[in-house]
Protein backbone atom coordinates (compact mmCIF):
# COMPACT_ATOMS: atom_id res chain seq x y z
CA MET A 1 6.25 15.90 -4.99
CA LYS A 2 2.71 14.62 -5.50
CA LEU A 3 0.50 14.80 -2.39
CA LEU A 4 -2.87 13.25 -1.58
CA ILE A 5 -4.70 15.50 0.91
CA THR A 6 -7.92 14.64 2.71
CA GLY A 7 -9.95 17.40 4.33
CA ALA A 8 -8.60 19.73 1.66
CA THR A 9 -11.65 22.01 1.72
CA GLY A 10 -11.50 22.62 5.49
CA LEU A 11 -9.87 25.53 7.30
CA ILE A 12 -6.42 23.93 7.49
CA GLY A 13 -6.76 21.99 4.26
CA GLN A 14 -7.42 25.04 2.11
CA GLU A 15 -4.36 26.83 3.46
CA LEU A 16 -2.21 23.72 3.12
CA VAL A 17 -3.27 23.18 -0.49
CA ARG A 18 -2.48 26.81 -1.31
CA ALA A 19 0.97 26.59 0.29
CA ALA A 20 1.79 23.21 -1.27
CA LEU A 21 0.89 24.43 -4.76
CA SER A 22 2.97 27.58 -4.25
CA GLN A 23 5.96 25.38 -3.43
CA GLY A 24 5.54 23.43 -6.66
CA HIS A 25 3.87 20.31 -5.30
CA THR A 26 1.09 18.56 -7.19
CA VAL A 27 -2.06 17.98 -5.13
CA HIS A 28 -4.63 15.22 -5.34
CA TYR A 29 -7.54 15.69 -2.95
CA LEU A 30 -10.52 13.64 -1.86
CA THR A 31 -14.02 15.07 -1.56
CA THR A 32 -17.44 13.68 -0.68
CA TYR A 33 -19.06 16.13 -3.11
CA LYS A 34 -18.79 15.28 -6.80
CA ASP A 35 -19.51 18.89 -7.76
CA LYS A 36 -16.34 19.96 -5.92
CA ILE A 37 -14.07 17.88 -8.13
CA VAL A 38 -11.62 20.05 -10.05
CA ASN A 39 -9.37 18.74 -12.81
CA GLN A 40 -6.30 20.88 -13.30
CA GLU A 41 -2.70 20.07 -14.16
CA SER A 42 -1.41 20.35 -10.58
CA TYR A 43 -4.69 20.18 -8.63
CA GLN A 44 -7.03 17.23 -9.13
CA GLY A 45 -10.02 16.03 -7.12
CA PHE A 46 -11.31 12.51 -6.57
CA TYR A 47 -14.58 11.28 -5.08
CA TRP A 48 -14.89 9.20 -1.95
CA SER A 49 -17.65 8.18 0.45
CA PRO A 50 -15.94 6.76 3.55
CA GLN A 51 -19.20 5.65 5.19
CA GLN A 52 -19.98 3.54 2.11
CA GLY A 53 -16.38 2.38 1.67
CA ILE A 54 -16.19 4.08 -1.74
CA ILE A 55 -13.02 5.73 -3.03
CA ASP A 56 -11.68 6.50 -6.50
CA GLU A 57 -8.44 4.53 -6.34
CA ASN A 58 -6.97 6.67 -9.13
CA CYS A 59 -6.30 9.22 -6.38
CA MET A 60 -3.22 7.17 -5.45
CA TYR A 61 -1.59 7.35 -8.87
CA GLY A 62 1.94 8.70 -8.48
CA VAL A 63 1.34 9.92 -4.91
CA ASP A 64 4.49 10.32 -2.78
CA ALA A 65 2.85 11.34 0.50
CA ILE A 66 -0.58 11.37 2.10
CA ILE A 67 -1.65 14.19 4.41
CA HIS A 68 -4.75 13.15 6.29
CA LEU A 69 -6.78 16.08 7.68
CA ALA A 70 -10.32 14.70 7.37
CA GLY A 71 -12.44 14.70 10.51
CA ALA A 72 -15.69 16.20 11.79
CA SER A 73 -15.39 19.49 13.69
CA ILE A 74 -15.21 19.29 17.48
CA SER A 75 -16.91 22.71 17.68
CA LYS A 76 -20.46 21.36 17.49
CA ARG A 77 -22.67 20.18 20.33
CA TRP A 78 -21.63 16.68 21.39
CA THR A 79 -24.82 14.66 21.14
CA SER A 80 -24.44 10.88 21.35
CA SER A 81 -24.75 10.57 17.58
CA TYR A 82 -22.30 13.40 16.92
CA LYS A 83 -19.75 11.92 19.32
CA GLN A 84 -19.88 8.77 17.23
CA GLU A 85 -19.38 10.86 14.09
CA LEU A 86 -16.33 12.56 15.65
CA ILE A 87 -14.71 9.16 16.07
CA GLU A 88 -15.83 7.53 12.82
CA SER A 89 -14.95 10.53 10.64
CA ARG A 90 -11.32 10.02 11.67
CA ILE A 91 -11.07 6.24 11.99
CA VAL A 92 -13.17 5.15 9.00
CA THR A 93 -11.38 7.56 6.66
CA ALA A 94 -7.92 6.43 7.80
CA ASP A 95 -8.93 2.77 7.50
CA LEU A 96 -10.21 3.30 3.96
CA LEU A 97 -6.94 4.94 2.94
CA TYR A 98 -4.98 2.13 4.57
CA ASN A 99 -6.90 -0.57 2.73
CA VAL A 100 -6.43 1.17 -0.63
CA VAL A 101 -2.70 1.59 -0.11
CA LYS A 102 -2.32 -1.97 1.16
CA LYS A 103 -3.85 -3.58 -1.91
CA SER A 104 -2.46 -1.23 -4.56
CA THR A 105 0.84 -0.76 -6.31
CA HIS A 106 1.93 2.57 -4.89
CA GLN A 107 4.94 4.77 -4.18
CA VAL A 108 3.72 6.36 -0.93
CA LYS A 109 6.72 7.14 1.27
CA HIS A 110 5.12 9.18 4.07
CA PHE A 111 1.78 9.32 5.90
CA ILE A 112 1.15 12.54 7.84
CA SER A 113 -1.96 12.81 9.95
CA ALA A 114 -3.55 15.58 11.92
CA SER A 115 -4.06 14.77 15.58
CA GLY A 116 -5.13 16.51 18.76
CA THR A 117 -3.72 17.45 22.13
CA ALA A 118 -6.61 16.11 24.22
CA SER A 119 -4.78 12.92 25.19
CA TYR A 120 -2.27 14.93 27.26
CA PRO A 121 -3.00 15.30 30.98
CA GLU A 122 -4.67 18.43 32.27
CA GLY A 123 -2.32 20.85 34.02
CA ASN A 124 -1.59 24.52 34.59
CA THR A 125 2.06 24.28 35.62
CA MET A 126 3.42 20.91 34.46
CA VAL A 127 4.65 21.09 30.85
CA TYR A 128 4.06 17.98 28.71
CA ASP A 129 5.89 16.87 25.59
CA GLU A 130 5.71 14.07 23.03
CA THR A 131 7.36 11.58 25.43
CA THR A 132 4.49 11.85 27.94
CA LYS A 133 2.94 8.43 28.59
CA GLU A 134 0.16 9.49 30.96
CA LEU A 135 -3.20 9.85 29.23
CA GLU A 136 -6.10 12.14 30.05
CA ASP A 137 -9.38 10.37 30.83
CA SER A 138 -11.88 12.21 28.63
CA PHE A 139 -13.97 11.64 25.53
CA LEU A 140 -11.67 13.72 23.30
CA SER A 141 -8.66 11.84 24.63
CA GLN A 142 -10.29 8.61 23.46
CA VAL A 143 -10.89 10.17 20.06
CA VAL A 144 -7.21 11.13 19.75
CA GLN A 145 -5.98 7.70 20.84
CA LYS A 146 -8.17 5.89 18.30
CA TRP A 147 -7.29 8.47 15.62
CA GLU A 148 -3.56 7.94 16.11
CA ALA A 149 -3.88 4.15 16.27
CA SER A 150 -5.63 4.12 12.89
CA SER A 151 -2.87 6.30 11.41
CA ASN A 152 -0.07 4.22 12.88
CA ARG A 153 -1.29 1.17 10.94
CA PHE A 154 0.57 2.56 7.92
CA GLU A 155 3.83 1.65 9.63
CA SER A 156 2.95 -2.02 9.04
CA LEU A 157 3.19 -1.22 5.31
CA GLY A 158 6.69 0.17 5.74
CA ILE A 159 5.47 3.76 5.46
CA PRO A 160 6.80 6.29 8.02
CA VAL A 161 4.02 8.00 9.98
CA SER A 162 3.98 11.54 11.38
CA LEU A 163 1.33 12.71 13.84
CA ILE A 164 0.78 16.47 14.15
CA ARG A 165 -0.82 17.10 17.55
CA THR A 166 -2.41 20.47 17.01
CA GLY A 167 -3.21 23.07 19.64
CA LEU A 168 -5.75 25.89 19.38
CA VAL A 169 -5.41 27.13 15.80
CA LEU A 170 -5.51 30.92 15.46
CA SER A 171 -7.18 32.02 12.23
CA ASN A 172 -9.58 34.83 11.38
CA THR A 173 -11.46 32.78 8.78
CA GLY A 174 -12.60 29.82 10.88
CA GLY A 175 -11.95 27.64 13.88
CA ALA A 176 -12.38 28.77 17.48
CA LEU A 177 -10.78 32.23 17.48
CA PRO A 178 -13.55 34.14 15.63
CA GLN A 179 -16.06 32.78 18.14
CA MET A 180 -13.80 33.60 21.09
CA ILE A 181 -13.04 37.14 19.99
CA LYS A 182 -16.57 38.09 18.90
CA PRO A 183 -17.90 38.78 22.45
CA VAL A 184 -14.75 40.81 23.14
CA GLN A 185 -15.38 42.89 20.00
CA TRP A 186 -18.94 43.47 21.23
CA GLY A 187 -17.62 44.68 24.57
CA VAL A 188 -18.94 41.68 26.53
CA GLY A 189 -15.80 39.57 26.70
CA ALA A 190 -14.99 37.73 29.92
CA VAL A 191 -12.51 35.27 31.39
CA MET A 192 -13.67 31.66 31.57
CA GLY A 193 -13.77 30.21 35.08
CA SER A 194 -10.58 30.75 37.06
CA GLY A 195 -8.75 31.88 33.93
CA LYS A 196 -5.78 29.76 34.98
CA GLN A 197 -6.33 27.06 32.36
CA MET A 198 -3.46 26.97 29.88
CA ILE A 199 -3.98 27.43 26.15
CA SER A 200 -1.41 25.86 23.84
CA TRP A 201 -2.07 27.79 20.63
CA ILE A 202 -0.59 28.08 17.14
CA HIS A 203 -0.99 30.62 14.33
CA ILE A 204 -2.36 28.93 11.21
CA GLN A 205 0.65 30.06 9.16
CA ASP A 206 2.97 28.18 11.53
CA LEU A 207 0.75 25.11 11.47
CA ILE A 208 0.83 24.95 7.67
CA ALA A 209 4.58 25.55 7.68
CA ILE A 210 5.07 22.70 10.17
CA TYR A 211 3.20 20.26 7.94
CA LEU A 212 5.43 21.18 5.00
CA PHE A 213 8.55 21.17 7.19
CA VAL A 214 7.78 17.61 8.37
CA LEU A 215 7.09 16.61 4.77
CA ASP A 216 10.20 18.21 3.26
CA HIS A 217 12.52 16.86 5.97
CA HIS A 218 10.95 13.37 6.02
CA LEU A 219 10.38 13.56 9.77
CA GLY A 220 8.54 10.63 11.31
CA GLY A 221 6.99 10.44 14.76
CA VAL A 222 4.83 12.66 16.94
CA PHE A 223 5.13 16.46 16.92
CA ASN A 224 3.32 19.05 18.99
CA ALA A 225 2.11 21.80 16.68
CA VAL A 226 1.94 24.49 19.36
CA ALA A 227 3.73 27.81 19.73
CA PRO A 228 6.62 27.90 22.25
CA ASN A 229 4.80 30.27 24.63
CA PRO A 230 1.41 29.00 25.84
CA VAL A 231 -0.70 31.41 27.91
CA ASN A 232 -3.53 31.07 30.38
CA ASN A 233 -7.13 31.94 29.57
CA ARG A 234 -7.02 35.20 31.53
CA ASP A 235 -4.00 36.50 29.61
CA PHE A 236 -5.39 35.25 26.30
CA THR A 237 -8.63 37.16 26.93
CA LYS A 238 -6.73 40.32 27.88
CA VAL A 239 -4.67 40.08 24.69
CA MET A 240 -7.81 39.80 22.54
CA ALA A 241 -9.21 42.91 24.27
CA ARG A 242 -6.01 44.90 23.69
CA VAL A 243 -5.83 43.95 20.04
CA VAL A 244 -9.41 45.03 19.30
CA HIS A 245 -9.24 47.99 21.70
CA LYS A 246 -12.12 46.94 23.93
CA PRO A 247 -12.40 46.98 27.75
CA LEU A 248 -12.89 43.92 29.93
CA PHE A 249 -15.24 44.68 32.80
CA LEU A 250 -17.56 41.67 33.15
CA PRO A 251 -16.96 39.06 35.89
CA ALA A 252 -15.54 35.66 35.00
CA VAL A 253 -18.04 33.19 33.53
CA PRO A 254 -18.63 30.24 35.90
CA GLN A 255 -17.87 26.80 34.51
CA PHE A 256 -21.27 25.38 35.52
CA LEU A 257 -23.04 28.03 33.43
CA MET A 258 -21.15 27.08 30.26
CA GLN A 259 -21.87 23.42 30.99
CA LEU A 260 -25.58 24.24 31.05
CA ILE A 261 -25.29 26.12 27.73
CA LEU A 262 -22.87 23.89 25.82
CA GLY A 263 -23.12 20.55 27.57
CA GLU A 264 -20.08 18.30 27.40
CA MET A 265 -18.52 20.51 24.71
CA SER A 266 -17.81 23.12 27.42
CA TYR A 267 -14.73 20.96 28.09
CA LEU A 268 -13.05 22.93 25.29
CA LEU A 269 -13.29 26.18 27.25
CA PHE A 270 -11.94 24.85 30.52
CA SER A 271 -9.42 22.23 29.45
CA SER A 272 -5.85 23.15 30.40
CA LYS A 273 -3.04 21.90 28.15
CA ASN A 274 0.46 23.20 28.80
CA LEU A 275 2.52 21.72 25.97
CA SER A 276 6.09 21.96 24.76
CA ALA A 277 7.17 22.91 21.23
CA HIS A 278 10.76 21.87 21.94
CA LYS A 279 10.84 18.83 19.63
CA ILE A 280 9.86 20.62 16.42
CA ILE A 281 12.20 23.50 17.28
CA GLU A 282 15.06 21.05 17.87
CA ALA A 283 14.32 19.59 14.43
CA GLY A 284 15.06 23.02 12.97
CA TYR A 285 11.69 24.71 12.65
CA CYS A 286 11.60 28.46 13.37
CA PHE A 287 8.24 29.87 14.44
CA GLN A 288 6.88 32.93 12.68
CA PHE A 289 4.66 33.70 15.68
CA SER A 290 6.01 32.83 19.12
CA GLU A 291 3.97 35.33 21.16
CA VAL A 292 0.18 35.27 21.25
CA GLU A 293 -0.25 39.04 21.03
CA ALA A 294 1.71 39.24 17.78
CA ALA A 295 -0.27 36.28 16.42
CA ILE A 296 -3.70 37.73 17.19
CA ALA A 297 -2.62 41.22 16.07
CA ASN A 298 -1.55 39.74 12.75
CA LEU A 299 -5.09 38.46 12.29
CA TYR A 300 -7.21 41.24 13.79
CA ALA A 301 -5.26 44.48 14.22
């Protein structure tokens, strides 16, 4: 199968490209840097500049499925200008892809987009799944809603759409975990706030496998990419300490202090998302890492 992948040089994109090539897929990828364009038999790059509406339309030649991962990182301080970039980096890129597909002769049969979990309501005990209609009232929730709406436009072209709502991705090469575990490794780790806030997490190997599972089984619709056993912040912090063999002795960090340090982005530390993995499991996916201690140990032990 020939895939077009956006965000292919990011944390998830690099792993997905590697896995897709190992399974025999051919990969086209889009990059905003011309010096990152590679031309190989099964791995070929194409230039685009979404802000300028520029894209090399040859990227669509022979493509069977598009996997859309492009989007600015949420792990940077949310200034007014950066908040706009968070939205536009997802919407403008999806719209550009849509317009190219709409006007071209193509054979695209599947559009798979990354998405987030921020639109789900906050909660420590109530478990939410893909049928949940209630929406969280937050900036990131608005980002997710606009992101998904731009992806769902592909359905008007007769192309099935899959949305992969991704929890906290556990990786030792990027994302949030290296920053979360670093203070623990230094012996100054601490629980955030009450520690009761739920973390719906996923090992990066499972996340990549879910993308390919959805692709291979032609599954349309929304899927939570979260492990079946979410944990609260207190237990997550204790697990990190056990894995790296460090004590936890500092008091919990008050929420107001992190708000002073990080501003609105402190939402990421205190948000509580208790999400179900039932749908993807029912579809036949078997998790490699169901327990958080095994997942973190795999990365750091």
